[in-house]
Amino acid sequence: VDSIMCREEEQAHASSMYYLTKSLDTTRMVI
């Protein structure tokens, strides 16, 4: 996600990975 600084799709991907991970496991930190 090399253009994550400004590109909406890549920001959405990083955020989606955070929330996907949280949806499967709320017991740990997600970075």
PDB file of all heavy atoms in Angstrom:
ATOM      1  N   VAL A   1       0.873  -1.195   0.000  1.00  0.00           N
ATOM      2  CA  VAL A   1       0.000   0.000   0.000  1.00  0.00           C
ATOM      3  C   VAL A   1       0.904   1.237   0.000  1.00  0.00           C
ATOM      4  O   VAL A   1       0.802   2.103   0.861  1.00  0.00           O
ATOM      5  CB  VAL A   1      -0.974  -0.003   1.205  1.00  0.00           C
ATOM      6  CG1 VAL A   1      -2.091  -1.013   1.004  1.00  0.00           C
ATOM      7  CG2 VAL A   1      -0.234  -0.296   2.513  1.00  0.00           C
ATOM      8  N   ASP A   2       1.754   1.316  -0.996  1.00  0.00           N
ATOM      9  CA  ASP A   2       2.801   2.325  -1.011  1.00  0.00           C
ATOM     10  C   ASP A   2       2.265   3.749  -1.103  1.00  0.00           C
ATOM     11  O   ASP A   2       2.941   4.706  -0.729  1.00  0.00           O
ATOM     12  CB  ASP A   2       3.753   2.048  -2.182  1.00  0.00           C
ATOM     13  CG  ASP A   2       5.011   2.893  -2.107  1.00  0.00           C
ATOM     14  OD1 ASP A   2       5.681   2.847  -1.059  1.00  0.00           O
ATOM     15  OD2 ASP A   2       5.311   3.601  -3.089  1.00  0.00           O
ATOM     16  N   SER A   3       1.027   3.903  -1.601  1.00  0.00           N
ATOM     17  CA  SER A   3       0.435   5.240  -1.729  1.00  0.00           C
ATOM     18  C   SER A   3      -0.611   5.510  -0.662  1.00  0.00           C
ATOM     19  O   SER A   3      -1.510   6.336  -0.846  1.00  0.00           O
ATOM     20  CB  SER A   3      -0.187   5.410  -3.132  1.00  0.00           C
ATOM     21  OG  SER A   3       0.787   5.259  -4.146  1.00  0.00           O
ATOM     22  N   ILE A   4      -0.486   4.825   0.473  1.00  0.00           N
ATOM     23  CA  ILE A   4      -1.502   4.923   1.519  1.00  0.00           C
ATOM     24  C   ILE A   4      -1.625   6.328   2.102  1.00  0.00           C
ATOM     25  O   ILE A   4      -2.676   6.705   2.610  1.00  0.00           O
ATOM     26  CB  ILE A   4      -1.210   3.904   2.639  1.00  0.00           C
ATOM     27  CG1 ILE A   4      -2.410   3.787   3.597  1.00  0.00           C
ATOM     28  CG2 ILE A   4       0.064   4.264   3.390  1.00  0.00           C
ATOM     29  CD1 ILE A   4      -2.253   2.699   4.636  1.00  0.00           C
ATOM     30  N   MET A   5      -0.575   7.114   2.010  1.00  0.00           N
ATOM     31  CA  MET A   5      -0.610   8.455   2.579  1.00  0.00           C
ATOM     32  C   MET A   5      -1.807   9.244   2.056  1.00  0.00           C
ATOM     33  O   MET A   5      -2.498   9.931   2.812  1.00  0.00           O
ATOM     34  CB  MET A   5       0.694   9.198   2.270  1.00  0.00           C
ATOM     35  CG  MET A   5       0.731  10.620   2.799  1.00  0.00           C
ATOM     36  SD  MET A   5       0.546  10.677   4.588  1.00  0.00           S
ATOM     37  CE  MET A   5       0.302  12.424   4.852  1.00  0.00           C
ATOM     38  N   CYS A   6      -2.096   9.127   0.759  1.00  0.00           N
ATOM     39  CA  CYS A   6      -3.149   9.946   0.157  1.00  0.00           C
ATOM     40  C   CYS A   6      -4.219   9.138  -0.580  1.00  0.00           C
ATOM     41  O   CYS A   6      -5.299   9.666  -0.839  1.00  0.00           O
ATOM     42  CB  CYS A   6      -2.538  10.958  -0.822  1.00  0.00           C
ATOM     43  SG  CYS A   6      -1.413  12.145  -0.047  1.00  0.00           S
ATOM     44  N   ARG A   7      -3.928   7.904  -0.947  1.00  0.00           N
ATOM     45  CA  ARG A   7      -4.856   7.144  -1.789  1.00  0.00           C
ATOM     46  C   ARG A   7      -5.942   6.479  -0.956  1.00  0.00           C
ATOM     47  O   ARG A   7      -5.667   5.683  -0.052  1.00  0.00           O
ATOM     48  CB  ARG A   7      -4.090   6.091  -2.588  1.00  0.00           C
ATOM     49  CG  ARG A   7      -4.933   5.448  -3.679  1.00  0.00           C
ATOM     50  CD  ARG A   7      -4.136   4.408  -4.448  1.00  0.00           C
ATOM     51  NE  ARG A   7      -4.955   3.793  -5.485  1.00  0.00           N
ATOM     52  CZ  ARG A   7      -4.660   2.663  -6.092  1.00  0.00           C
ATOM     53  NH1 ARG A   7      -3.547   2.012  -5.750  1.00  0.00           N
ATOM     54  NH2 ARG A   7      -5.451   2.169  -7.016  1.00  0.00           N
ATOM     55  N   GLU A   8      -7.192   6.797  -1.277  1.00  0.00           N
ATOM     56  CA  GLU A   8      -8.316   6.351  -0.462  1.00  0.00           C
ATOM     57  C   GLU A   8      -8.452   4.833  -0.450  1.00  0.00           C
ATOM     58  O   GLU A   8      -8.770   4.243   0.583  1.00  0.00           O
ATOM     59  CB  GLU A   8      -9.615   6.989  -0.965  1.00  0.00           C
ATOM     60  CG  GLU A   8      -9.711   8.487  -0.703  1.00  0.00           C
ATOM     61  CD  GLU A   8     -11.049   9.061  -1.127  1.00  0.00           C
ATOM     62  OE1 GLU A   8     -11.933   8.276  -1.527  1.00  0.00           O
ATOM     63  OE2 GLU A   8     -11.217  10.296  -1.043  1.00  0.00           O
ATOM     64  N   GLU A   9      -8.231   4.183  -1.623  1.00  0.00           N
ATOM     65  CA  GLU A   9      -8.401   2.729  -1.666  1.00  0.00           C
ATOM     66  C   GLU A   9      -7.436   2.032  -0.719  1.00  0.00           C
ATOM     67  O   GLU A   9      -7.804   1.069  -0.033  1.00  0.00           O
ATOM     68  CB  GLU A   9      -8.164   2.194  -3.087  1.00  0.00           C
ATOM     69  CG  GLU A   9      -9.144   2.718  -4.112  1.00  0.00           C
ATOM     70  CD  GLU A   9      -8.532   3.862  -4.910  1.00  0.00           C
ATOM     71  OE1 GLU A   9      -7.991   4.798  -4.274  1.00  0.00           O
ATOM     72  OE2 GLU A   9      -8.590   3.811  -6.150  1.00  0.00           O
ATOM     73  N   GLU A  10      -6.206   2.508  -0.664  1.00  0.00           N
ATOM     74  CA  GLU A  10      -5.205   1.858   0.175  1.00  0.00           C
ATOM     75  C   GLU A  10      -5.443   2.157   1.650  1.00  0.00           C
ATOM     76  O   GLU A  10      -5.224   1.296   2.507  1.00  0.00           O
ATOM     77  CB  GLU A  10      -3.807   2.276  -0.274  1.00  0.00           C
ATOM     78  CG  GLU A  10      -3.520   1.818  -1.699  1.00  0.00           C
ATOM     79  CD  GLU A  10      -2.112   2.144  -2.164  1.00  0.00           C
ATOM     80  OE1 GLU A  10      -1.262   2.502  -1.329  1.00  0.00           O
ATOM     81  OE2 GLU A  10      -1.869   2.041  -3.387  1.00  0.00           O
ATOM     82  N   GLN A  11      -5.908   3.357   1.951  1.00  0.00           N
ATOM     83  CA  GLN A  11      -6.310   3.646   3.332  1.00  0.00           C
ATOM     84  C   GLN A  11      -7.473   2.756   3.751  1.00  0.00           C
ATOM     85  O   GLN A  11      -7.499   2.227   4.864  1.00  0.00           O
ATOM     86  CB  GLN A  11      -6.690   5.113   3.474  1.00  0.00           C
ATOM     87  CG  GLN A  11      -5.534   6.080   3.370  1.00  0.00           C
ATOM     88  CD  GLN A  11      -5.965   7.515   3.629  1.00  0.00           C
ATOM     89  OE1 GLN A  11      -7.046   7.771   4.182  1.00  0.00           O
ATOM     90  NE2 GLN A  11      -5.125   8.465   3.247  1.00  0.00           N
ATOM     91  N   ALA A  12      -8.424   2.603   2.841  1.00  0.00           N
ATOM     92  CA  ALA A  12      -9.584   1.755   3.130  1.00  0.00           C
ATOM     93  C   ALA A  12      -9.143   0.308   3.360  1.00  0.00           C
ATOM     94  O   ALA A  12      -9.678  -0.392   4.232  1.00  0.00           O
ATOM     95  CB  ALA A  12     -10.599   1.833   1.991  1.00  0.00           C
ATOM     96  N   HIS A  13      -8.149  -0.133   2.586  1.00  0.00           N
ATOM     97  CA  HIS A  13      -7.653  -1.499   2.760  1.00  0.00           C
ATOM     98  C   HIS A  13      -7.023  -1.678   4.139  1.00  0.00           C
ATOM     99  O   HIS A  13      -7.303  -2.657   4.846  1.00  0.00           O
ATOM    100  CB  HIS A  13      -6.635  -1.825   1.672  1.00  0.00           C
ATOM    101  CG  HIS A  13      -5.963  -3.144   1.859  1.00  0.00           C
ATOM    102  ND1 HIS A  13      -6.643  -4.351   1.811  1.00  0.00           N
ATOM    103  CD2 HIS A  13      -4.662  -3.470   2.116  1.00  0.00           C
ATOM    104  CE1 HIS A  13      -5.802  -5.343   2.027  1.00  0.00           C
ATOM    105  NE2 HIS A  13      -4.593  -4.837   2.211  1.00  0.00           N
ATOM    106  N   ALA A  14      -6.152  -0.739   4.543  1.00  0.00           N
ATOM    107  CA  ALA A  14      -5.519  -0.838   5.855  1.00  0.00           C
ATOM    108  C   ALA A  14      -6.561  -0.811   6.969  1.00  0.00           C
ATOM    109  O   ALA A  14      -6.494  -1.594   7.932  1.00  0.00           O
ATOM    110  CB  ALA A  14      -4.509   0.280   6.040  1.00  0.00           C
ATOM    111  N   SER A  15      -7.532   0.076   6.830  1.00  0.00           N
ATOM    112  CA  SER A  15      -8.597   0.151   7.839  1.00  0.00           C
ATOM    113  C   SER A  15      -9.439  -1.114   7.834  1.00  0.00           C
ATOM    114  O   SER A  15      -9.835  -1.623   8.892  1.00  0.00           O
ATOM    115  CB  SER A  15      -9.480   1.380   7.588  1.00  0.00           C
ATOM    116  OG  SER A  15      -8.755   2.572   7.783  1.00  0.00           O
ATOM    117  N   SER A  16      -9.711  -1.639   6.643  1.00  0.00           N
ATOM    118  CA  SER A  16     -10.517  -2.855   6.563  1.00  0.00           C
ATOM    119  C   SER A  16      -9.784  -4.031   7.193  1.00  0.00           C
ATOM    120  O   SER A  16     -10.404  -4.886   7.839  1.00  0.00           O
ATOM    121  CB  SER A  16     -10.876  -3.171   5.114  1.00  0.00           C
ATOM    122  OG  SER A  16      -9.754  -3.634   4.383  1.00  0.00           O
ATOM    123  N   MET A  17      -8.453  -4.088   7.038  1.00  0.00           N
ATOM    124  CA  MET A  17      -7.698  -5.159   7.674  1.00  0.00           C
ATOM    125  C   MET A  17      -7.736  -5.027   9.194  1.00  0.00           C
ATOM    126  O   MET A  17      -7.801  -6.028   9.923  1.00  0.00           O
ATOM    127  CB  MET A  17      -6.249  -5.158   7.180  1.00  0.00           C
ATOM    128  CG  MET A  17      -6.091  -5.519   5.707  1.00  0.00           C
ATOM    129  SD  MET A  17      -6.886  -7.084   5.253  1.00  0.00           S
ATOM    130  CE  MET A  17      -6.040  -8.233   6.310  1.00  0.00           C
ATOM    131  N   TYR A  18      -7.707  -3.786   9.682  1.00  0.00           N
ATOM    132  CA  TYR A  18      -7.831  -3.563  11.122  1.00  0.00           C
ATOM    133  C   TYR A  18      -9.185  -4.071  11.615  1.00  0.00           C
ATOM    134  O   TYR A  18      -9.262  -4.856  12.584  1.00  0.00           O
ATOM    135  CB  TYR A  18      -7.670  -2.076  11.439  1.00  0.00           C
ATOM    136  CG  TYR A  18      -7.997  -1.722  12.874  1.00  0.00           C
ATOM    137  CD1 TYR A  18      -7.043  -1.847  13.873  1.00  0.00           C
ATOM    138  CD2 TYR A  18      -9.272  -1.290  13.235  1.00  0.00           C
ATOM    139  CE1 TYR A  18      -7.345  -1.539  15.190  1.00  0.00           C
ATOM    140  CE2 TYR A  18      -9.585  -0.977  14.548  1.00  0.00           C
ATOM    141  CZ  TYR A  18      -8.623  -1.109  15.525  1.00  0.00           C
ATOM    142  OH  TYR A  18      -8.940  -0.805  16.829  1.00  0.00           O
ATOM    143  N   TYR A  19     -10.261  -3.653  10.939  1.00  0.00           N
ATOM    144  CA  TYR A  19     -11.598  -4.021  11.413  1.00  0.00           C
ATOM    145  C   TYR A  19     -11.903  -5.496  11.160  1.00  0.00           C
ATOM    146  O   TYR A  19     -12.591  -6.139  11.961  1.00  0.00           O
ATOM    147  CB  TYR A  19     -12.644  -3.115  10.769  1.00  0.00           C
ATOM    148  CG  TYR A  19     -12.648  -1.725  11.359  1.00  0.00           C
ATOM    149  CD1 TYR A  19     -12.284  -0.613  10.595  1.00  0.00           C
ATOM    150  CD2 TYR A  19     -12.988  -1.521  12.694  1.00  0.00           C
ATOM    151  CE1 TYR A  19     -12.275   0.663  11.144  1.00  0.00           C
ATOM    152  CE2 TYR A  19     -12.980  -0.251  13.253  1.00  0.00           C
ATOM    153  CZ  TYR A  19     -12.614   0.836  12.473  1.00  0.00           C
ATOM    154  OH  TYR A  19     -12.593   2.095  13.032  1.00  0.00           O
ATOM    155  N   LEU A  20     -11.404  -6.043  10.063  1.00  0.00           N
ATOM    156  CA  LEU A  20     -11.567  -7.481   9.829  1.00  0.00           C
ATOM    157  C   LEU A  20     -10.905  -8.270  10.955  1.00  0.00           C
ATOM    158  O   LEU A  20     -11.495  -9.205  11.514  1.00  0.00           O
ATOM    159  CB  LEU A  20     -10.952  -7.870   8.486  1.00  0.00           C
ATOM    160  CG  LEU A  20     -10.860  -9.372   8.199  1.00  0.00           C
ATOM    161  CD1 LEU A  20     -12.241  -9.994   8.086  1.00  0.00           C
ATOM    162  CD2 LEU A  20     -10.042  -9.637   6.938  1.00  0.00           C
ATOM    163  N   THR A  21      -9.690  -7.876  11.300  1.00  0.00           N
ATOM    164  CA  THR A  21      -8.972  -8.564  12.369  1.00  0.00           C
ATOM    165  C   THR A  21      -9.717  -8.432  13.688  1.00  0.00           C
ATOM    166  O   THR A  21      -9.871  -9.406  14.436  1.00  0.00           O
ATOM    167  CB  THR A  21      -7.544  -8.005  12.488  1.00  0.00           C
ATOM    168  OG1 THR A  21      -6.894  -8.089  11.209  1.00  0.00           O
ATOM    169  CG2 THR A  21      -6.740  -8.784  13.504  1.00  0.00           C
ATOM    170  N   LYS A  22     -10.204  -7.234  13.976  1.00  0.00           N
ATOM    171  CA  LYS A  22     -10.972  -7.018  15.207  1.00  0.00           C
ATOM    172  C   LYS A  22     -12.273  -7.822  15.207  1.00  0.00           C
ATOM    173  O   LYS A  22     -12.730  -8.285  16.259  1.00  0.00           O
ATOM    174  CB  LYS A  22     -11.281  -5.526  15.364  1.00  0.00           C
ATOM    175  CG  LYS A  22     -10.145  -4.700  15.931  1.00  0.00           C
ATOM    176  CD  LYS A  22      -9.847  -5.099  17.370  1.00  0.00           C
ATOM    177  CE  LYS A  22      -8.876  -4.161  18.040  1.00  0.00           C
ATOM    178  NZ  LYS A  22      -8.521  -4.609  19.403  1.00  0.00           N
ATOM    179  N   SER A  23     -12.872  -7.975  14.032  1.00  0.00           N
ATOM    180  CA  SER A  23     -14.138  -8.717  13.971  1.00  0.00           C
ATOM    181  C   SER A  23     -13.929 -10.188  14.310  1.00  0.00           C
ATOM    182  O   SER A  23     -14.869 -10.871  14.731  1.00  0.00           O
ATOM    183  CB  SER A  23     -14.768  -8.577  12.586  1.00  0.00           C
ATOM    184  OG  SER A  23     -14.077  -9.355  11.614  1.00  0.00           O
ATOM    185  N   LEU A  24     -12.700 -10.680  14.123  1.00  0.00           N
ATOM    186  CA  LEU A  24     -12.397 -12.068  14.421  1.00  0.00           C
ATOM    187  C   LEU A  24     -11.718 -12.252  15.778  1.00  0.00           C
ATOM    188  O   LEU A  24     -11.681 -13.361  16.311  1.00  0.00           O
ATOM    189  CB  LEU A  24     -11.490 -12.647  13.322  1.00  0.00           C
ATOM    190  CG  LEU A  24     -12.113 -12.710  11.929  1.00  0.00           C
ATOM    191  CD1 LEU A  24     -11.064 -13.063  10.896  1.00  0.00           C
ATOM    192  CD2 LEU A  24     -13.264 -13.705  11.895  1.00  0.00           C
ATOM    193  N   ASP A  25     -11.164 -11.163  16.316  1.00  0.00           N
ATOM    194  CA  ASP A  25     -10.430 -11.277  17.582  1.00  0.00           C
ATOM    195  C   ASP A  25     -10.384  -9.913  18.269  1.00  0.00           C
ATOM    196  O   ASP A  25      -9.634  -9.030  17.864  1.00  0.00           O
ATOM    197  CB  ASP A  25      -9.008 -11.776  17.313  1.00  0.00           C
ATOM    198  CG  ASP A  25      -8.216 -12.003  18.598  1.00  0.00           C
ATOM    199  OD1 ASP A  25      -8.775 -11.792  19.696  1.00  0.00           O
ATOM    200  OD2 ASP A  25      -7.041 -12.396  18.497  1.00  0.00           O
ATOM    201  N   THR A  26     -11.163  -9.765  19.310  1.00  0.00           N
ATOM    202  CA  THR A  26     -11.154  -8.517  20.088  1.00  0.00           C
ATOM    203  C   THR A  26     -10.210  -8.592  21.280  1.00  0.00           C
ATOM    204  O   THR A  26     -10.110  -7.633  22.051  1.00  0.00           O
ATOM    205  CB  THR A  26     -12.568  -8.193  20.604  1.00  0.00           C
ATOM    206  OG1 THR A  26     -13.019  -9.271  21.438  1.00  0.00           O
ATOM    207  CG2 THR A  26     -13.541  -7.994  19.453  1.00  0.00           C
ATOM    208  N   THR A  27      -9.507  -9.703  21.436  1.00  0.00           N
ATOM    209  CA  THR A  27      -8.696  -9.911  22.642  1.00  0.00           C
ATOM    210  C   THR A  27      -7.257  -9.440  22.494  1.00  0.00           C
ATOM    211  O   THR A  27      -6.495  -9.513  23.454  1.00  0.00           O
ATOM    212  CB  THR A  27      -8.673 -11.402  23.027  1.00  0.00           C
ATOM    213  OG1 THR A  27      -7.904 -12.143  22.066  1.00  0.00           O
ATOM    214  CG2 THR A  27     -10.085 -11.972  23.091  1.00  0.00           C
ATOM    215  N   ARG A  28      -6.870  -8.969  21.301  1.00  0.00           N
ATOM    216  CA  ARG A  28      -5.478  -8.589  21.072  1.00  0.00           C
ATOM    217  C   ARG A  28      -5.393  -7.212  20.431  1.00  0.00           C
ATOM    218  O   ARG A  28      -6.357  -6.688  19.882  1.00  0.00           O
ATOM    219  CB  ARG A  28      -4.785  -9.610  20.157  1.00  0.00           C
ATOM    220  CG  ARG A  28      -4.639 -10.993  20.782  1.00  0.00           C
ATOM    221  CD  ARG A  28      -4.020 -11.962  19.798  1.00  0.00           C
ATOM    222  NE  ARG A  28      -3.642 -13.216  20.441  1.00  0.00           N
ATOM    223  CZ  ARG A  28      -4.414 -14.297  20.487  1.00  0.00           C
ATOM    224  NH1 ARG A  28      -5.609 -14.285  19.927  1.00  0.00           N
ATOM    225  NH2 ARG A  28      -3.984 -15.403  21.083  1.00  0.00           N
ATOM    226  N   MET A  29      -4.187  -6.639  20.481  1.00  0.00           N
ATOM    227  CA  MET A  29      -3.908  -5.400  19.782  1.00  0.00           C
ATOM    228  C   MET A  29      -3.831  -5.671  18.273  1.00  0.00           C
ATOM    229  O   MET A  29      -3.393  -6.751  17.844  1.00  0.00           O
ATOM    230  CB  MET A  29      -2.587  -4.799  20.237  1.00  0.00           C
ATOM    231  CG  MET A  29      -2.492  -4.488  21.725  1.00  0.00           C
ATOM    232  SD  MET A  29      -3.569  -3.123  22.241  1.00  0.00           S
ATOM    233  CE  MET A  29      -4.928  -4.064  22.993  1.00  0.00           C
ATOM    234  N   VAL A  30      -4.264  -4.690  17.481  1.00  0.00           N
ATOM    235  CA  VAL A  30      -4.127  -4.762  16.030  1.00  0.00           C
ATOM    236  C   VAL A  30      -3.409  -3.503  15.562  1.00  0.00           C
ATOM    237  O   VAL A  30      -3.795  -2.385  15.919  1.00  0.00           O
ATOM    238  CB  VAL A  30      -5.488  -4.898  15.326  1.00  0.00           C
ATOM    239  CG1 VAL A  30      -5.294  -4.969  13.810  1.00  0.00           C
ATOM    240  CG2 VAL A  30      -6.234  -6.133  15.822  1.00  0.00           C
ATOM    241  N   ILE A  31      -2.360  -3.686  14.777  1.00  0.00           N
ATOM    242  CA  ILE A  31      -1.548  -2.578  14.269  1.00  0.00           C
ATOM    243  C   ILE A  31      -1.802  -2.486  12.774  1.00  0.00           C
ATOM    244  O   ILE A  31      -1.455  -3.407  12.020  1.00  0.00           O
ATOM    245  CB  ILE A  31      -0.058  -2.821  14.560  1.00  0.00           C
ATOM    246  CG1 ILE A  31       0.149  -2.967  16.083  1.00  0.00           C
ATOM    247  CG2 ILE A  31       0.801  -1.697  13.992  1.00  0.00           C
ATOM    248  CD1 ILE A  31       1.451  -3.631  16.457  1.00  0.00           C
TER     249      ILE A  31
END
